[in-house]
Amino acid sequence: KGVLGVCEGHIRCDPAGESGFGYD
């Protein structure tokens, strides 16, 4: 069984922040 989730947003021009992983 499976489900989908989506989070909309935009890409900023330079990285910011130290938490998370990947493209966060």
PDB file of all heavy atoms in Angstrom:
ATOM      1  N   LYS A   1       0.861  -1.178   0.000  1.00  0.00           N
ATOM      2  CA  LYS A   1       0.000   0.000   0.000  1.00  0.00           C
ATOM      3  C   LYS A   1       0.900   1.231   0.000  1.00  0.00           C
ATOM      4  O   LYS A   1       1.961   1.234   0.623  1.00  0.00           O
ATOM      5  CB  LYS A   1      -0.908   0.002   1.230  1.00  0.00           C
ATOM      6  CG  LYS A   1      -1.829  -1.202   1.295  1.00  0.00           C
ATOM      7  CD  LYS A   1      -2.645  -1.219   2.584  1.00  0.00           C
ATOM      8  CE  LYS A   1      -3.541  -2.439   2.648  1.00  0.00           C
ATOM      9  NZ  LYS A   1      -4.298  -2.512   3.921  1.00  0.00           N
ATOM     10  N   GLY A   2       0.454   2.280  -0.704  1.00  0.00           N
ATOM     11  CA  GLY A   2       1.306   3.446  -0.804  1.00  0.00           C
ATOM     12  C   GLY A   2       0.545   4.761  -0.804  1.00  0.00           C
ATOM     13  O   GLY A   2      -0.649   4.800  -1.108  1.00  0.00           O
ATOM     14  N   VAL A   3       1.246   5.821  -0.435  1.00  0.00           N
ATOM     15  CA  VAL A   3       0.675   7.171  -0.396  1.00  0.00           C
ATOM     16  C   VAL A   3       1.716   8.168  -0.905  1.00  0.00           C
ATOM     17  O   VAL A   3       2.913   7.885  -0.919  1.00  0.00           O
ATOM     18  CB  VAL A   3       0.248   7.567   1.037  1.00  0.00           C
ATOM     19  CG1 VAL A   3      -0.939   6.716   1.495  1.00  0.00           C
ATOM     20  CG2 VAL A   3       1.412   7.421   2.013  1.00  0.00           C
ATOM     21  N   LEU A   4       1.244   9.349  -1.308  1.00  0.00           N
ATOM     22  CA  LEU A   4       2.121  10.410  -1.816  1.00  0.00           C
ATOM     23  C   LEU A   4       1.965  11.682  -0.989  1.00  0.00           C
ATOM     24  O   LEU A   4       0.869  12.005  -0.544  1.00  0.00           O
ATOM     25  CB  LEU A   4       1.793  10.735  -3.272  1.00  0.00           C
ATOM     26  CG  LEU A   4       2.258   9.777  -4.359  1.00  0.00           C
ATOM     27  CD1 LEU A   4       1.694  10.217  -5.701  1.00  0.00           C
ATOM     28  CD2 LEU A   4       3.782   9.719  -4.423  1.00  0.00           C
ATOM     29  N   GLY A   5       3.062  12.406  -0.819  1.00  0.00           N
ATOM     30  CA  GLY A   5       3.033  13.717  -0.176  1.00  0.00           C
ATOM     31  C   GLY A   5       3.814  14.714  -1.001  1.00  0.00           C
ATOM     32  O   GLY A   5       4.841  14.367  -1.607  1.00  0.00           O
ATOM     33  N   VAL A   6       3.340  15.958  -1.062  1.00  0.00           N
ATOM     34  CA  VAL A   6       3.986  17.000  -1.871  1.00  0.00           C
ATOM     35  C   VAL A   6       4.178  18.255  -1.028  1.00  0.00           C
ATOM     36  O   VAL A   6       3.296  18.637  -0.247  1.00  0.00           O
ATOM     37  CB  VAL A   6       3.134  17.349  -3.113  1.00  0.00           C
ATOM     38  CG1 VAL A   6       3.810  18.440  -3.942  1.00  0.00           C
ATOM     39  CG2 VAL A   6       2.879  16.115  -3.966  1.00  0.00           C
ATOM     40  N   CYS A   7       5.339  18.886  -1.166  1.00  0.00           N
ATOM     41  CA  CYS A   7       5.602  20.167  -0.519  1.00  0.00           C
ATOM     42  C   CYS A   7       6.079  21.155  -1.576  1.00  0.00           C
ATOM     43  O   CYS A   7       7.150  20.973  -2.171  1.00  0.00           O
ATOM     44  CB  CYS A   7       6.648  20.023   0.580  1.00  0.00           C
ATOM     45  SG  CYS A   7       6.968  21.552   1.499  1.00  0.00           S
ATOM     46  N   GLU A   8       5.299  22.197  -1.819  1.00  0.00           N
ATOM     47  CA  GLU A   8       5.629  23.207  -2.835  1.00  0.00           C
ATOM     48  C   GLU A   8       6.565  24.266  -2.257  1.00  0.00           C
ATOM     49  O   GLU A   8       6.542  24.559  -1.056  1.00  0.00           O
ATOM     50  CB  GLU A   8       4.352  23.873  -3.333  1.00  0.00           C
ATOM     51  CG  GLU A   8       3.375  22.954  -4.043  1.00  0.00           C
ATOM     52  CD  GLU A   8       3.782  22.678  -5.484  1.00  0.00           C
ATOM     53  OE1 GLU A   8       4.713  23.350  -5.995  1.00  0.00           O
ATOM     54  OE2 GLU A   8       3.165  21.780  -6.103  1.00  0.00           O
ATOM     55  N   GLY A   9       7.369  24.864  -3.131  1.00  0.00           N
ATOM     56  CA  GLY A   9       8.267  25.923  -2.689  1.00  0.00           C
ATOM     57  C   GLY A   9       9.081  26.474  -3.844  1.00  0.00           C
ATOM     58  O   GLY A   9       8.659  26.407  -5.001  1.00  0.00           O
ATOM     59  N   HIS A  10      10.270  26.998  -3.531  1.00  0.00           N
ATOM     60  CA  HIS A  10      11.153  27.497  -4.586  1.00  0.00           C
ATOM     61  C   HIS A  10      12.609  27.287  -4.185  1.00  0.00           C
ATOM     62  O   HIS A  10      12.913  27.012  -3.013  1.00  0.00           O
ATOM     63  CB  HIS A  10      10.889  28.984  -4.877  1.00  0.00           C
ATOM     64  CG  HIS A  10      11.304  29.911  -3.761  1.00  0.00           C
ATOM     65  ND1 HIS A  10      10.472  30.253  -2.725  1.00  0.00           N
ATOM     66  CD2 HIS A  10      12.471  30.573  -3.534  1.00  0.00           C
ATOM     67  CE1 HIS A  10      11.092  31.083  -1.899  1.00  0.00           C
ATOM     68  NE2 HIS A  10      12.317  31.294  -2.375  1.00  0.00           N
ATOM     69  N   ILE A  11      13.487  27.415  -5.167  1.00  0.00           N
ATOM     70  CA  ILE A  11      14.921  27.233  -4.956  1.00  0.00           C
ATOM     71  C   ILE A  11      15.585  28.599  -4.811  1.00  0.00           C
ATOM     72  O   ILE A  11      15.454  29.450  -5.699  1.00  0.00           O
ATOM     73  CB  ILE A  11      15.571  26.466  -6.126  1.00  0.00           C
ATOM     74  CG1 ILE A  11      14.872  25.124  -6.352  1.00  0.00           C
ATOM     75  CG2 ILE A  11      17.066  26.264  -5.851  1.00  0.00           C
ATOM     76  CD1 ILE A  11      14.925  24.177  -5.193  1.00  0.00           C
ATOM     77  N   ARG A  12      16.281  28.802  -3.690  1.00  0.00           N
ATOM     78  CA  ARG A  12      16.995  30.069  -3.524  1.00  0.00           C
ATOM     79  C   ARG A  12      18.338  30.003  -4.245  1.00  0.00           C
ATOM     80  O   ARG A  12      18.760  28.947  -4.718  1.00  0.00           O
ATOM     81  CB  ARG A  12      17.178  30.418  -2.045  1.00  0.00           C
ATOM     82  CG  ARG A  12      17.873  29.384  -1.202  1.00  0.00           C
ATOM     83  CD  ARG A  12      18.104  29.911   0.208  1.00  0.00           C
ATOM     84  NE  ARG A  12      19.222  30.850   0.231  1.00  0.00           N
ATOM     85  CZ  ARG A  12      19.342  31.854   1.084  1.00  0.00           C
ATOM     86  NH1 ARG A  12      18.396  32.077   1.981  1.00  0.00           N
ATOM     87  NH2 ARG A  12      20.400  32.637   1.073  1.00  0.00           N
ATOM     88  N   CYS A  13      19.018  31.140  -4.320  1.00  0.00           N
ATOM     89  CA  CYS A  13      20.220  31.232  -5.159  1.00  0.00           C
ATOM     90  C   CYS A  13      21.492  30.738  -4.485  1.00  0.00           C
ATOM     91  O   CYS A  13      22.506  30.531  -5.156  1.00  0.00           O
ATOM     92  CB  CYS A  13      20.425  32.685  -5.610  1.00  0.00           C
ATOM     93  SG  CYS A  13      19.114  33.263  -6.717  1.00  0.00           S
ATOM     94  N   ASP A  14      21.455  30.569  -3.175  1.00  0.00           N
ATOM     95  CA  ASP A  14      22.628  30.067  -2.474  1.00  0.00           C
ATOM     96  C   ASP A  14      22.177  29.268  -1.255  1.00  0.00           C
ATOM     97  O   ASP A  14      21.097  29.500  -0.722  1.00  0.00           O
ATOM     98  CB  ASP A  14      23.549  31.213  -2.044  1.00  0.00           C
ATOM     99  CG  ASP A  14      22.821  32.233  -1.181  1.00  0.00           C
ATOM    100  OD1 ASP A  14      21.595  32.381  -1.314  1.00  0.00           O
ATOM    101  OD2 ASP A  14      23.484  32.880  -0.352  1.00  0.00           O
ATOM    102  N   PRO A  15      22.988  28.298  -0.816  1.00  0.00           N
ATOM    103  CA  PRO A  15      22.594  27.450   0.310  1.00  0.00           C
ATOM    104  C   PRO A  15      22.544  28.244   1.617  1.00  0.00           C
ATOM    105  O   PRO A  15      23.286  29.207   1.813  1.00  0.00           O
ATOM    106  CB  PRO A  15      23.708  26.393   0.368  1.00  0.00           C
ATOM    107  CG  PRO A  15      24.406  26.469  -0.950  1.00  0.00           C
ATOM    108  CD  PRO A  15      24.279  27.888  -1.403  1.00  0.00           C
ATOM    109  N   ALA A  16      21.659  27.810   2.512  1.00  0.00           N
ATOM    110  CA  ALA A  16      21.557  28.424   3.837  1.00  0.00           C
ATOM    111  C   ALA A  16      21.049  27.377   4.825  1.00  0.00           C
ATOM    112  O   ALA A  16      20.113  26.648   4.521  1.00  0.00           O
ATOM    113  CB  ALA A  16      20.618  29.629   3.813  1.00  0.00           C
ATOM    114  N   GLY A  17      21.687  27.320   5.989  1.00  0.00           N
ATOM    115  CA  GLY A  17      21.246  26.412   7.043  1.00  0.00           C
ATOM    116  C   GLY A  17      22.111  25.172   7.152  1.00  0.00           C
ATOM    117  O   GLY A  17      22.771  24.768   6.193  1.00  0.00           O
ATOM    118  N   GLU A  18      22.114  24.576   8.330  1.00  0.00           N
ATOM    119  CA  GLU A  18      22.963  23.418   8.606  1.00  0.00           C
ATOM    120  C   GLU A  18      22.174  22.147   8.893  1.00  0.00           C
ATOM    121  O   GLU A  18      22.757  21.076   9.035  1.00  0.00           O
ATOM    122  CB  GLU A  18      23.864  23.720   9.825  1.00  0.00           C
ATOM    123  CG  GLU A  18      24.756  24.935   9.659  1.00  0.00           C
ATOM    124  CD  GLU A  18      25.779  24.741   8.554  1.00  0.00           C
ATOM    125  OE1 GLU A  18      26.211  23.586   8.341  1.00  0.00           O
ATOM    126  OE2 GLU A  18      26.147  25.738   7.897  1.00  0.00           O
ATOM    127  N   SER A  19      20.854  22.255   9.000  1.00  0.00           N
ATOM    128  CA  SER A  19      20.041  21.089   9.350  1.00  0.00           C
ATOM    129  C   SER A  19      19.633  20.328   8.093  1.00  0.00           C
ATOM    130  O   SER A  19      19.852  20.781   6.977  1.00  0.00           O
ATOM    131  CB  SER A  19      18.798  21.533  10.129  1.00  0.00           C
ATOM    132  OG  SER A  19      18.011  20.429  10.510  1.00  0.00           O
ATOM    133  N   GLY A  20      19.034  19.147   8.305  1.00  0.00           N
ATOM    134  CA  GLY A  20      18.491  18.396   7.177  1.00  0.00           C
ATOM    135  C   GLY A  20      19.558  17.714   6.345  1.00  0.00           C
ATOM    136  O   GLY A  20      20.694  17.523   6.769  1.00  0.00           O
ATOM    137  N   PHE A  21      19.200  17.360   5.113  1.00  0.00           N
ATOM    138  CA  PHE A  21      20.106  16.656   4.208  1.00  0.00           C
ATOM    139  C   PHE A  21      19.621  16.873   2.786  1.00  0.00           C
ATOM    140  O   PHE A  21      18.578  17.483   2.552  1.00  0.00           O
ATOM    141  CB  PHE A  21      20.177  15.157   4.545  1.00  0.00           C
ATOM    142  CG  PHE A  21      18.849  14.448   4.493  1.00  0.00           C
ATOM    143  CD1 PHE A  21      18.444  13.775   3.349  1.00  0.00           C
ATOM    144  CD2 PHE A  21      17.995  14.459   5.584  1.00  0.00           C
ATOM    145  CE1 PHE A  21      17.224  13.121   3.296  1.00  0.00           C
ATOM    146  CE2 PHE A  21      16.776  13.803   5.547  1.00  0.00           C
ATOM    147  CZ  PHE A  21      16.389  13.144   4.401  1.00  0.00           C
ATOM    148  N   GLY A  22      20.387  16.374   1.822  1.00  0.00           N
ATOM    149  CA  GLY A  22      19.987  16.512   0.419  1.00  0.00           C
ATOM    150  C   GLY A  22      19.941  17.961  -0.032  1.00  0.00           C
ATOM    151  O   GLY A  22      20.856  18.756   0.233  1.00  0.00           O
ATOM    152  N   TYR A  23      18.849  18.336  -0.674  1.00  0.00           N
ATOM    153  CA  TYR A  23      18.694  19.677  -1.219  1.00  0.00           C
ATOM    154  C   TYR A  23      18.075  20.665  -0.211  1.00  0.00           C
ATOM    155  O   TYR A  23      17.723  21.783  -0.583  1.00  0.00           O
ATOM    156  CB  TYR A  23      17.820  19.632  -2.478  1.00  0.00           C
ATOM    157  CG  TYR A  23      18.404  18.818  -3.611  1.00  0.00           C
ATOM    158  CD1 TYR A  23      18.075  17.478  -3.781  1.00  0.00           C
ATOM    159  CD2 TYR A  23      19.296  19.386  -4.519  1.00  0.00           C
ATOM    160  CE1 TYR A  23      18.594  16.727  -4.822  1.00  0.00           C
ATOM    161  CE2 TYR A  23      19.830  18.639  -5.566  1.00  0.00           C
ATOM    162  CZ  TYR A  23      19.480  17.310  -5.703  1.00  0.00           C
ATOM    163  OH  TYR A  23      20.007  16.577  -6.746  1.00  0.00           O
ATOM    164  N   ASP A  24      17.946  20.259   1.039  1.00  0.00           N
ATOM    165  CA  ASP A  24      17.296  21.103   2.058  1.00  0.00           C
ATOM    166  C   ASP A  24      17.864  22.521   2.149  1.00  0.00           C
ATOM    167  O   ASP A  24      17.103  23.474   2.354  1.00  0.00           O
ATOM    168  CB  ASP A  24      17.384  20.441   3.434  1.00  0.00           C
ATOM    169  CG  ASP A  24      16.426  19.272   3.580  1.00  0.00           C
ATOM    170  OD1 ASP A  24      15.659  19.000   2.632  1.00  0.00           O
ATOM    171  OD2 ASP A  24      16.439  18.615   4.642  1.00  0.00           O
TER     172      ASP A  24
END
